[in-house]
N, C-alpha and C. Protein backbone atom coordinates (compact mmCIF):
# COMPACT_ATOMS: atom_id res chain seq x y z
N MET A 1 0.69 8.03 5.74
CA MET A 1 -0.24 7.17 5.52
C MET A 1 -0.97 6.21 6.38
N LEU A 2 -0.30 5.10 6.32
CA LEU A 2 0.21 4.25 7.21
C LEU A 2 0.41 4.81 8.83
N GLY A 3 0.95 5.64 8.70
CA GLY A 3 1.15 6.41 10.03
C GLY A 3 -0.30 6.38 10.94
N TRP A 4 -1.28 7.45 10.64
CA TRP A 4 -2.31 7.79 10.89
C TRP A 4 -3.53 6.24 10.60
N ALA A 5 -3.61 5.00 9.77
CA ALA A 5 -4.08 4.01 9.83
C ALA A 5 -3.76 3.65 11.19
N MET A 6 -2.46 3.46 11.48
CA MET A 6 -1.75 2.92 12.96
C MET A 6 -3.38 3.84 14.06
N THR A 7 -2.35 4.61 14.27
CA THR A 7 -2.83 5.80 15.28
C THR A 7 -4.52 5.26 15.37
N PHE A 8 -5.06 5.56 14.61
CA PHE A 8 -6.72 4.95 14.19
C PHE A 8 -6.88 3.44 15.01
N LEU A 9 -6.38 2.92 14.56
CA LEU A 9 -6.51 0.90 15.23
C LEU A 9 -6.01 1.07 16.54
N VAL A 10 -5.11 2.23 16.82
CA VAL A 10 -4.35 1.62 18.52
C VAL A 10 -5.65 2.33 19.26
N ILE A 11 -6.51 3.58 18.26
CA ILE A 11 -7.71 4.56 19.60
C ILE A 11 -8.49 3.58 19.41
N ALA A 12 -8.62 1.99 18.38
CA ALA A 12 -10.02 2.01 18.19
C ALA A 12 -9.68 0.95 19.15
N VAL A 13 -8.87 -0.09 19.27
CA VAL A 13 -8.69 -1.02 20.53
C VAL A 13 -8.65 -0.01 22.21
N ILE A 14 -8.22 0.99 22.09
CA ILE A 14 -7.87 1.43 23.56
C ILE A 14 -9.13 1.36 24.14
N ALA A 15 -9.88 2.31 22.85
CA ALA A 15 -12.33 2.50 23.25
C ALA A 15 -12.64 1.28 23.23
N ALA A 16 -12.16 0.33 23.04
CA ALA A 16 -13.20 -0.61 22.88
C ALA A 16 -12.35 -1.44 24.36
N ILE A 17 -11.28 -1.50 25.06
CA ILE A 17 -11.31 -2.17 26.02
C ILE A 17 -11.41 -0.82 27.28
N PHE A 18 -12.51 0.35 27.08
CA PHE A 18 -13.00 1.04 27.79
C PHE A 18 -14.11 0.34 27.72
N GLY A 19 -14.67 0.23 26.65
CA GLY A 19 -15.86 -0.04 26.93
C GLY A 19 -16.25 1.04 25.59
N PHE A 20 -15.67 1.82 24.90
CA PHE A 20 -16.65 2.85 24.26
C PHE A 20 -16.97 2.06 22.82
N SER A 21 -17.63 1.81 22.37
CA SER A 21 -17.39 0.90 21.91
C SER A 21 -18.32 1.97 20.37
N GLY A 22 -18.71 2.12 20.35
CA GLY A 22 -19.56 3.49 19.49
C GLY A 22 -17.87 4.24 18.82
N ILE A 23 -17.33 5.01 19.93
CA ILE A 23 -15.47 5.09 19.67
C ILE A 23 -14.71 4.47 18.66
N ALA A 24 -14.97 3.39 19.22
CA ALA A 24 -13.90 1.52 18.85
C ALA A 24 -14.42 1.08 17.34
N ALA A 25 -16.01 1.73 17.06
CA ALA A 25 -16.18 1.00 15.98
C ALA A 25 -16.20 1.98 14.80
N GLY A 26 -15.79 3.47 14.88
CA GLY A 26 -15.49 5.15 14.62
C GLY A 26 -14.32 4.92 14.09
N ALA A 27 -13.38 4.38 15.00
CA ALA A 27 -11.60 4.31 14.87
C ALA A 27 -11.72 3.44 13.82
N ALA A 28 -11.69 2.24 14.43
CA ALA A 28 -11.37 0.93 13.39
C ALA A 28 -12.41 1.14 11.57
N GLY A 29 -13.35 2.53 11.09
CA GLY A 29 -13.79 2.06 10.19
C GLY A 29 -12.78 3.07 9.76
N ILE A 30 -12.06 3.97 10.40
CA ILE A 30 -11.78 5.05 9.18
C ILE A 30 -10.01 4.80 9.78
N ALA A 31 -10.13 3.83 10.48
CA ALA A 31 -7.95 2.83 10.16
C ALA A 31 -8.15 2.49 9.37
N ASN A 32 -9.59 1.48 9.06
CA ASN A 32 -9.49 0.82 7.22
C ASN A 32 -9.73 1.49 6.31
N ILE A 33 -10.11 2.39 6.60
CA ILE A 33 -9.90 2.69 4.98
C ILE A 33 -9.29 3.66 5.47
N LEU A 34 -8.18 4.45 6.38
CA LEU A 34 -7.03 4.44 5.43
C LEU A 34 -6.18 3.74 5.08
N PHE A 35 -6.07 2.14 5.54
CA PHE A 35 -5.04 1.45 5.63
C PHE A 35 -5.01 0.96 3.83
N PHE A 36 -6.88 0.69 2.98
CA PHE A 36 -6.94 0.21 2.21
C PHE A 36 -6.46 1.42 1.62
N VAL A 37 -6.35 3.23 1.25
CA VAL A 37 -6.16 3.91 0.77
C VAL A 37 -4.39 4.16 0.36
N PHE A 38 -3.80 3.71 1.28
CA PHE A 38 -2.64 3.57 1.14
C PHE A 38 -1.65 2.41 0.31
N LEU A 39 -2.83 1.22 0.56
CA LEU A 39 -2.30 -0.27 -0.21
C LEU A 39 -2.42 0.38 -1.35
N GLY A 40 -4.03 0.81 -1.42
CA GLY A 40 -3.55 0.97 -3.30
C GLY A 40 -3.25 2.23 -3.73
N LEU A 41 -2.57 3.31 -3.40
CA LEU A 41 -0.97 4.22 -3.73
C LEU A 41 -0.25 3.90 -3.89
N PHE A 42 0.03 2.20 -2.48
CA PHE A 42 1.06 1.78 -2.68
C PHE A 42 1.72 1.13 -3.87
N VAL A 43 0.20 0.14 -4.15
CA VAL A 43 0.41 -0.57 -6.06
C VAL A 43 0.61 0.27 -6.87
N VAL A 44 0.44 1.79 -7.00
CA VAL A 44 0.16 2.08 -8.00
C VAL A 44 1.76 2.92 -8.30
N ALA A 45 2.41 3.15 -6.76
CA ALA A 45 3.73 3.99 -6.45
C ALA A 45 4.46 2.61 -7.38
N MET A 46 4.60 1.21 -7.03
CA MET A 46 4.82 0.63 -8.15
C MET A 46 4.90 -0.13 -9.19
N ILE A 47 4.17 -0.19 -9.41
CA ILE A 47 3.47 -0.14 -11.03
C ILE A 47 3.75 1.18 -11.87
N ALA A 48 4.47 2.17 -11.63
CA ALA A 48 4.28 3.52 -11.95
C ALA A 48 5.98 3.24 -11.82
N ARG A 49 6.83 2.90 -10.64
CA ARG A 49 8.52 2.66 -10.57
C ARG A 49 8.66 1.65 -11.80
N ALA A 50 7.38 0.66 -11.73
CA ALA A 50 8.23 -0.69 -12.70
C ALA A 50 8.00 -0.24 -13.92
N LEU A 51 6.93 1.03 -14.51
CA LEU A 51 6.66 0.83 -15.91
C LEU A 51 8.30 2.10 -16.47
N ARG A 52 8.32 2.76 -15.24
CA ARG A 52 9.87 3.82 -15.93
C ARG A 52 11.27 3.29 -16.30
N GLY A 53 11.26 1.71 -15.54
CA GLY A 53 12.51 1.09 -15.75
C GLY A 53 13.41 0.92 -14.58
N LYS A 54 12.82 2.02 -13.40
CA LYS A 54 13.93 1.61 -11.82
C LYS A 54 13.87 0.74 -11.47
N SER A 55 15.23 -0.12 -10.18
CA SER A 55 14.74 -0.86 -10.02
C SER A 55 13.36 -0.39 -8.37
N PRO A 56 12.65 -1.44 -8.43
CA PRO A 56 12.11 -1.27 -6.63
C PRO A 56 12.97 -0.99 -5.59
N VAL A 57 13.85 -1.02 -5.31
CA VAL A 57 14.49 -1.15 -4.26
C VAL A 57 14.48 0.43 -3.82
């Protein structure tokens, strides 16, 4: 999921460089949403792993 967020971020940057502001804004919005979904799932996974008593490594 983090890979998809980075892909949309790169698309947003490239679109912004070429002046496609609508596409850049859309791709940046998607990248932002995917990043926060990834971050939330990561935190939930870390909490679940800690509650099971396994090391975080």
